[in-house]
Structure formats: structure tokens, C-alpha cells
PDB file of all heavy atoms in Angstrom:
ATOM      1  N   LEU A   1      28.528 200.549 -88.242  1.00  0.00           N
ATOM      2  CA  LEU A   1      29.771 200.352 -87.496  1.00  0.00           C
ATOM      3  C   LEU A   1      30.033 198.906 -87.082  1.00  0.00           C
ATOM      4  O   LEU A   1      31.084 198.626 -86.512  1.00  0.00           O
ATOM      5  CB  LEU A   1      29.751 201.230 -86.236  1.00  0.00           C
ATOM      6  CG  LEU A   1      29.563 202.724 -86.484  1.00  0.00           C
ATOM      7  CD1 LEU A   1      29.390 203.467 -85.168  1.00  0.00           C
ATOM      8  CD2 LEU A   1      30.737 203.285 -87.271  1.00  0.00           C
ATOM      9  N   GLY A   2      29.080 198.025 -87.314  1.00  0.00           N
ATOM     10  CA  GLY A   2      29.244 196.635 -86.908  1.00  0.00           C
ATOM     11  C   GLY A   2      28.611 196.361 -85.556  1.00  0.00           C
ATOM     12  O   GLY A   2      28.122 197.257 -84.882  1.00  0.00           O
ATOM     13  N   GLU A   3      28.648 195.133 -85.157  1.00  0.00           N
ATOM     14  CA  GLU A   3      27.982 194.689 -83.933  1.00  0.00           C
ATOM     15  C   GLU A   3      28.763 195.008 -82.648  1.00  0.00           C
ATOM     16  O   GLU A   3      28.206 194.962 -81.563  1.00  0.00           O
ATOM     17  CB  GLU A   3      27.726 193.172 -84.007  1.00  0.00           C
ATOM     18  CG  GLU A   3      26.765 192.761 -85.108  1.00  0.00           C
ATOM     19  CD  GLU A   3      25.331 193.245 -84.876  1.00  0.00           C
ATOM     20  OE1 GLU A   3      24.932 193.442 -83.699  1.00  0.00           O
ATOM     21  OE2 GLU A   3      24.615 193.431 -85.876  1.00  0.00           O
ATOM     22  N   ASP A   4      30.035 195.306 -82.764  1.00  0.00           N
ATOM     23  CA  ASP A   4      30.869 195.583 -81.596  1.00  0.00           C
ATOM     24  C   ASP A   4      30.499 196.949 -81.021  1.00  0.00           C
ATOM     25  O   ASP A   4      30.903 197.994 -81.542  1.00  0.00           O
ATOM     26  CB  ASP A   4      32.341 195.535 -81.987  1.00  0.00           C
ATOM     27  CG  ASP A   4      33.271 195.805 -80.823  1.00  0.00           C
ATOM     28  OD1 ASP A   4      32.793 196.011 -79.683  1.00  0.00           O
ATOM     29  OD2 ASP A   4      34.498 195.815 -81.064  1.00  0.00           O
ATOM     30  N   ARG A   5      29.762 196.959 -79.929  1.00  0.00           N
ATOM     31  CA  ARG A   5      29.276 198.207 -79.329  1.00  0.00           C
ATOM     32  C   ARG A   5      30.402 199.116 -78.848  1.00  0.00           C
ATOM     33  O   ARG A   5      30.196 200.314 -78.701  1.00  0.00           O
ATOM     34  CB  ARG A   5      28.321 197.910 -78.178  1.00  0.00           C
ATOM     35  CG  ARG A   5      26.989 197.392 -78.652  1.00  0.00           C
ATOM     36  CD  ARG A   5      26.092 197.081 -77.463  1.00  0.00           C
ATOM     37  NE  ARG A   5      24.786 196.667 -77.935  1.00  0.00           N
ATOM     38  CZ  ARG A   5      23.662 197.318 -77.671  1.00  0.00           C
ATOM     39  NH1 ARG A   5      23.688 198.386 -76.909  1.00  0.00           N
ATOM     40  NH2 ARG A   5      22.522 196.893 -78.146  1.00  0.00           N
ATOM     41  N   SER A   6      31.558 198.570 -78.610  1.00  0.00           N
ATOM     42  CA  SER A   6      32.671 199.409 -78.147  1.00  0.00           C
ATOM     43  C   SER A   6      33.110 200.409 -79.215  1.00  0.00           C
ATOM     44  O   SER A   6      33.735 201.421 -78.902  1.00  0.00           O
ATOM     45  CB  SER A   6      33.852 198.547 -77.708  1.00  0.00           C
ATOM     46  OG  SER A   6      34.438 197.892 -78.825  1.00  0.00           O
ATOM     47  N   THR A   7      32.764 200.158 -80.467  1.00  0.00           N
ATOM     48  CA  THR A   7      33.117 201.087 -81.549  1.00  0.00           C
ATOM     49  C   THR A   7      32.082 202.199 -81.718  1.00  0.00           C
ATOM     50  O   THR A   7      32.293 203.115 -82.515  1.00  0.00           O
ATOM     51  CB  THR A   7      33.264 200.343 -82.890  1.00  0.00           C
ATOM     52  OG1 THR A   7      32.006 199.780 -83.266  1.00  0.00           O
ATOM     53  CG2 THR A   7      34.312 199.240 -82.796  1.00  0.00           C
ATOM     54  N   TRP A   8      30.992 202.126 -80.985  1.00  0.00           N
ATOM     55  CA  TRP A   8      29.918 203.104 -81.141  1.00  0.00           C
ATOM     56  C   TRP A   8      30.125 204.375 -80.319  1.00  0.00           C
ATOM     57  O   TRP A   8      29.609 205.438 -80.672  1.00  0.00           O
ATOM     58  CB  TRP A   8      28.581 202.495 -80.746  1.00  0.00           C
ATOM     59  CG  TRP A   8      28.136 201.306 -81.531  1.00  0.00           C
ATOM     60  CD1 TRP A   8      28.781 200.694 -82.580  1.00  0.00           C
ATOM     61  CD2 TRP A   8      26.946 200.559 -81.331  1.00  0.00           C
ATOM     62  NE1 TRP A   8      28.061 199.618 -83.036  1.00  0.00           N
ATOM     63  CE2 TRP A   8      26.914 199.512 -82.279  1.00  0.00           C
ATOM     64  CE3 TRP A   8      25.894 200.658 -80.431  1.00  0.00           C
ATOM     65  CZ2 TRP A   8      25.892 198.587 -82.358  1.00  0.00           C
ATOM     66  CZ3 TRP A   8      24.864 199.741 -80.504  1.00  0.00           C
ATOM     67  CH2 TRP A   8      24.861 198.719 -81.468  1.00  0.00           C
ATOM     68  N   SER A   9      30.832 204.297 -79.221  1.00  0.00           N
ATOM     69  CA  SER A   9      30.953 205.423 -78.283  1.00  0.00           C
ATOM     70  C   SER A   9      31.408 206.732 -78.919  1.00  0.00           C
ATOM     71  O   SER A   9      30.894 207.788 -78.548  1.00  0.00           O
ATOM     72  CB  SER A   9      31.891 205.057 -77.141  1.00  0.00           C
ATOM     73  OG  SER A   9      31.338 204.022 -76.380  1.00  0.00           O
ATOM     74  N   PRO A  10      32.351 206.725 -79.858  1.00  0.00           N
ATOM     75  CA  PRO A  10      32.774 208.011 -80.445  1.00  0.00           C
ATOM     76  C   PRO A  10      31.681 208.715 -81.248  1.00  0.00           C
ATOM     77  O   PRO A  10      31.852 209.867 -81.642  1.00  0.00           O
ATOM     78  CB  PRO A  10      33.938 207.610 -81.360  1.00  0.00           C
ATOM     79  CG  PRO A  10      34.417 206.298 -80.852  1.00  0.00           C
ATOM     80  CD  PRO A  10      33.197 205.622 -80.295  1.00  0.00           C
ATOM     81  N   PHE A  11      30.568 208.051 -81.471  1.00  0.00           N
ATOM     82  CA  PHE A  11      29.470 208.626 -82.247  1.00  0.00           C
ATOM     83  C   PHE A  11      28.269 208.957 -81.364  1.00  0.00           C
ATOM     84  O   PHE A  11      27.179 209.234 -81.861  1.00  0.00           O
ATOM     85  CB  PHE A  11      29.069 207.659 -83.371  1.00  0.00           C
ATOM     86  CG  PHE A  11      30.223 207.350 -84.271  1.00  0.00           C
ATOM     87  CD1 PHE A  11      31.015 206.238 -84.049  1.00  0.00           C
ATOM     88  CD2 PHE A  11      30.553 208.206 -85.305  1.00  0.00           C
ATOM     89  CE1 PHE A  11      32.110 205.966 -84.862  1.00  0.00           C
ATOM     90  CE2 PHE A  11      31.640 207.943 -86.122  1.00  0.00           C
ATOM     91  CZ  PHE A  11      32.420 206.825 -85.903  1.00  0.00           C
ATOM     92  N   ASP A  12      28.452 208.920 -80.070  1.00  0.00           N
ATOM     93  CA  ASP A  12      27.382 209.133 -79.099  1.00  0.00           C
ATOM     94  C   ASP A  12      27.778 210.313 -78.208  1.00  0.00           C
ATOM     95  O   ASP A  12      28.755 210.233 -77.466  1.00  0.00           O
ATOM     96  CB  ASP A  12      27.207 207.850 -78.271  1.00  0.00           C
ATOM     97  CG  ASP A  12      26.024 207.894 -77.346  1.00  0.00           C
ATOM     98  OD1 ASP A  12      25.980 208.783 -76.475  1.00  0.00           O
ATOM     99  OD2 ASP A  12      25.147 207.023 -77.484  1.00  0.00           O
ATOM    100  N   ALA A  13      27.042 211.419 -78.298  1.00  0.00           N
ATOM    101  CA  ALA A  13      27.393 212.631 -77.554  1.00  0.00           C
ATOM    102  C   ALA A  13      27.388 212.410 -76.049  1.00  0.00           C
ATOM    103  O   ALA A  13      28.211 212.986 -75.328  1.00  0.00           O
ATOM    104  CB  ALA A  13      26.436 213.766 -77.925  1.00  0.00           C
ATOM    105  N   VAL A  14      26.491 211.590 -75.552  1.00  0.00           N
ATOM    106  CA  VAL A  14      26.448 211.306 -74.114  1.00  0.00           C
ATOM    107  C   VAL A  14      27.736 210.598 -73.688  1.00  0.00           C
ATOM    108  O   VAL A  14      28.362 210.960 -72.690  1.00  0.00           O
ATOM    109  CB  VAL A  14      25.197 210.474 -73.751  1.00  0.00           C
ATOM    110  CG1 VAL A  14      25.253 209.982 -72.314  1.00  0.00           C
ATOM    111  CG2 VAL A  14      23.929 211.298 -73.979  1.00  0.00           C
ATOM    112  N   GLU A  15      28.136 209.604 -74.451  1.00  0.00           N
ATOM    113  CA  GLU A  15      29.362 208.868 -74.122  1.00  0.00           C
ATOM    114  C   GLU A  15      30.597 209.745 -74.244  1.00  0.00           C
ATOM    115  O   GLU A  15      31.516 209.650 -73.423  1.00  0.00           O
ATOM    116  CB  GLU A  15      29.494 207.626 -75.006  1.00  0.00           C
ATOM    117  CG  GLU A  15      28.438 206.579 -74.720  1.00  0.00           C
ATOM    118  CD  GLU A  15      28.444 206.109 -73.275  1.00  0.00           C
ATOM    119  OE1 GLU A  15      29.527 205.749 -72.760  1.00  0.00           O
ATOM    120  OE2 GLU A  15      27.373 206.112 -72.643  1.00  0.00           O
ATOM    121  N   LEU A  16      30.637 210.605 -75.241  1.00  0.00           N
ATOM    122  CA  LEU A  16      31.768 211.524 -75.390  1.00  0.00           C
ATOM    123  C   LEU A  16      31.880 212.458 -74.184  1.00  0.00           C
ATOM    124  O   LEU A  16      32.975 212.703 -73.681  1.00  0.00           O
ATOM    125  CB  LEU A  16      31.634 212.327 -76.680  1.00  0.00           C
ATOM    126  CG  LEU A  16      31.841 211.544 -77.972  1.00  0.00           C
ATOM    127  CD1 LEU A  16      31.447 212.392 -79.170  1.00  0.00           C
ATOM    128  CD2 LEU A  16      33.285 211.080 -78.088  1.00  0.00           C
ATOM    129  N   MET A  17      30.744 212.965 -73.726  1.00  0.00           N
ATOM    130  CA  MET A  17      30.761 213.869 -72.584  1.00  0.00           C
ATOM    131  C   MET A  17      31.141 213.124 -71.311  1.00  0.00           C
ATOM    132  O   MET A  17      31.911 213.631 -70.488  1.00  0.00           O
ATOM    133  CB  MET A  17      29.401 214.556 -72.443  1.00  0.00           C
ATOM    134  CG  MET A  17      29.416 215.723 -71.492  1.00  0.00           C
ATOM    135  SD  MET A  17      30.665 216.998 -71.829  1.00  0.00           S
ATOM    136  CE  MET A  17      30.212 217.522 -73.462  1.00  0.00           C
ATOM    137  N   LYS A  18      30.645 211.913 -71.151  1.00  0.00           N
ATOM    138  CA  LYS A  18      31.017 211.116 -69.975  1.00  0.00           C
ATOM    139  C   LYS A  18      32.518 210.849 -69.956  1.00  0.00           C
ATOM    140  O   LYS A  18      33.148 210.895 -68.903  1.00  0.00           O
ATOM    141  CB  LYS A  18      30.272 209.779 -69.979  1.00  0.00           C
ATOM    142  CG  LYS A  18      28.827 209.864 -69.573  1.00  0.00           C
ATOM    143  CD  LYS A  18      28.231 208.452 -69.594  1.00  0.00           C
ATOM    144  CE  LYS A  18      26.810 208.422 -69.146  1.00  0.00           C
ATOM    145  NZ  LYS A  18      26.253 207.050 -69.182  1.00  0.00           N
ATOM    146  N   ALA A  19      33.095 210.576 -71.084  1.00  0.00           N
ATOM    147  CA  ALA A  19      34.526 210.275 -71.169  1.00  0.00           C
ATOM    148  C   ALA A  19      35.382 211.521 -70.950  1.00  0.00           C
ATOM    149  O   ALA A  19      36.527 211.414 -70.512  1.00  0.00           O
ATOM    150  CB  ALA A  19      34.852 209.639 -72.521  1.00  0.00           C
ATOM    151  N   ALA A  20      34.835 212.685 -71.232  1.00  0.00           N
ATOM    152  CA  ALA A  20      35.609 213.921 -71.119  1.00  0.00           C
ATOM    153  C   ALA A  20      35.916 214.271 -69.662  1.00  0.00           C
ATOM    154  O   ALA A  20      37.000 214.754 -69.356  1.00  0.00           O
ATOM    155  CB  ALA A  20      34.859 215.069 -71.782  1.00  0.00           C
ATOM    156  N   HIS A  21      34.965 214.065 -68.782  1.00  0.00           N
ATOM    157  CA  HIS A  21      35.123 214.381 -67.351  1.00  0.00           C
ATOM    158  C   HIS A  21      35.443 215.854 -67.094  1.00  0.00           C
ATOM    159  O   HIS A  21      35.898 216.202 -66.018  1.00  0.00           O
ATOM    160  CB  HIS A  21      36.211 213.521 -66.702  1.00  0.00           C
ATOM    161  CG  HIS A  21      35.964 212.059 -66.781  1.00  0.00           C
ATOM    162  ND1 HIS A  21      34.975 211.425 -66.059  1.00  0.00           N
ATOM    163  CD2 HIS A  21      36.570 211.100 -67.515  1.00  0.00           C
ATOM    164  CE1 HIS A  21      34.985 210.139 -66.337  1.00  0.00           C
ATOM    165  NE2 HIS A  21      35.944 209.911 -67.228  1.00  0.00           N
ATOM    166  N   ARG A  22      35.275 216.707 -68.112  1.00  0.00           N
ATOM    167  CA  ARG A  22      35.564 218.128 -67.962  1.00  0.00           C
ATOM    168  C   ARG A  22      34.864 218.872 -69.100  1.00  0.00           C
ATOM    169  O   ARG A  22      34.509 218.276 -70.104  1.00  0.00           O
ATOM    170  CB  ARG A  22      37.056 218.393 -68.012  1.00  0.00           C
ATOM    171  CG  ARG A  22      37.669 218.017 -69.351  1.00  0.00           C
ATOM    172  CD  ARG A  22      39.155 218.307 -69.419  1.00  0.00           C
ATOM    173  NE  ARG A  22      39.720 217.878 -70.678  1.00  0.00           N
ATOM    174  CZ  ARG A  22      39.623 218.524 -71.830  1.00  0.00           C
ATOM    175  NH1 ARG A  22      38.967 219.656 -71.902  1.00  0.00           N
ATOM    176  NH2 ARG A  22      40.188 218.050 -72.922  1.00  0.00           N
ATOM    177  N   PRO A  23      34.709 220.163 -68.959  1.00  0.00           N
ATOM    178  CA  PRO A  23      34.114 220.937 -70.045  1.00  0.00           C
ATOM    179  C   PRO A  23      34.985 220.906 -71.300  1.00  0.00           C
ATOM    180  O   PRO A  23      36.211 220.991 -71.221  1.00  0.00           O
ATOM    181  CB  PRO A  23      34.035 222.358 -69.487  1.00  0.00           C
ATOM    182  CG  PRO A  23      34.106 222.205 -68.006  1.00  0.00           C
ATOM    183  CD  PRO A  23      34.955 220.976 -67.767  1.00  0.00           C
ATOM    184  N   LEU A  24      34.356 220.771 -72.443  1.00  0.00           N
ATOM    185  CA  LEU A  24      35.054 220.777 -73.723  1.00  0.00           C
ATOM    186  C   LEU A  24      34.857 222.087 -74.483  1.00  0.00           C
ATOM    187  O   LEU A  24      35.633 222.408 -75.374  1.00  0.00           O
ATOM    188  CB  LEU A  24      34.576 219.609 -74.587  1.00  0.00           C
ATOM    189  CG  LEU A  24      34.810 218.218 -74.010  1.00  0.00           C
ATOM    190  CD1 LEU A  24      34.166 217.161 -74.902  1.00  0.00           C
ATOM    191  CD2 LEU A  24      36.292 217.953 -73.837  1.00  0.00           C
ATOM    192  N   PHE A  25      33.797 222.800 -74.147  1.00  0.00           N
ATOM    193  CA  PHE A  25      33.431 224.035 -74.834  1.00  0.00           C
ATOM    194  C   PHE A  25      33.014 225.066 -73.801  1.00  0.00           C
ATOM    195  O   PHE A  25      32.618 224.719 -72.692  1.00  0.00           O
ATOM    196  CB  PHE A  25      32.262 223.798 -75.800  1.00  0.00           C
ATOM    197  CG  PHE A  25      32.531 222.720 -76.802  1.00  0.00           C
ATOM    198  CD1 PHE A  25      32.111 221.421 -76.588  1.00  0.00           C
ATOM    199  CD2 PHE A  25      33.235 223.001 -77.967  1.00  0.00           C
ATOM    200  CE1 PHE A  25      32.371 220.419 -77.510  1.00  0.00           C
ATOM    201  CE2 PHE A  25      33.506 222.008 -78.892  1.00  0.00           C
ATOM    202  CZ  PHE A  25      33.071 220.711 -78.665  1.00  0.00           C
ATOM    203  N   ALA A  26      33.077 226.337 -74.167  1.00  0.00           N
ATOM    204  CA  ALA A  26      32.616 227.388 -73.261  1.00  0.00           C
ATOM    205  C   ALA A  26      31.149 227.162 -72.915  1.00  0.00           C
ATOM    206  O   ALA A  26      30.739 227.312 -71.767  1.00  0.00           O
ATOM    207  CB  ALA A  26      32.809 228.763 -73.892  1.00  0.00           C
ATOM    208  N   GLN A  27      30.373 226.771 -73.905  1.00  0.00           N
ATOM    209  CA  GLN A  27      28.964 226.453 -73.713  1.00  0.00           C
ATOM    210  C   GLN A  27      28.467 225.720 -74.944  1.00  0.00           C
ATOM    211  O   GLN A  27      29.000 225.897 -76.040  1.00  0.00           O
ATOM    212  CB  GLN A  27      28.118 227.708 -73.490  1.00  0.00           C
ATOM    213  CG  GLN A  27      26.657 227.394 -73.198  1.00  0.00           C
ATOM    214  CD  GLN A  27      25.904 228.600 -72.684  1.00  0.00           C
ATOM    215  OE1 GLN A  27      26.452 229.435 -71.988  1.00  0.00           O
ATOM    216  NE2 GLN A  27      24.651 228.697 -73.025  1.00  0.00           N
TER     217      GLN A  27
END
């Protein structure tokens, strides 16, 4: 993805969950 770490977040489950701020799935 390159050296720009800001492009990595969509590929990191922890970051995706932090950005969601709410449940995305029943479980």
C-alpha cells in the first residue's frame, strides 16, 4: 500500500471497528 500509513486503516480490523463507533454485525 505504500509508506503512507493513512492508507492502511481500511485493511486493519481494529481500526475499522474503532472508526465504526457502533456494532456492524449481530455478532
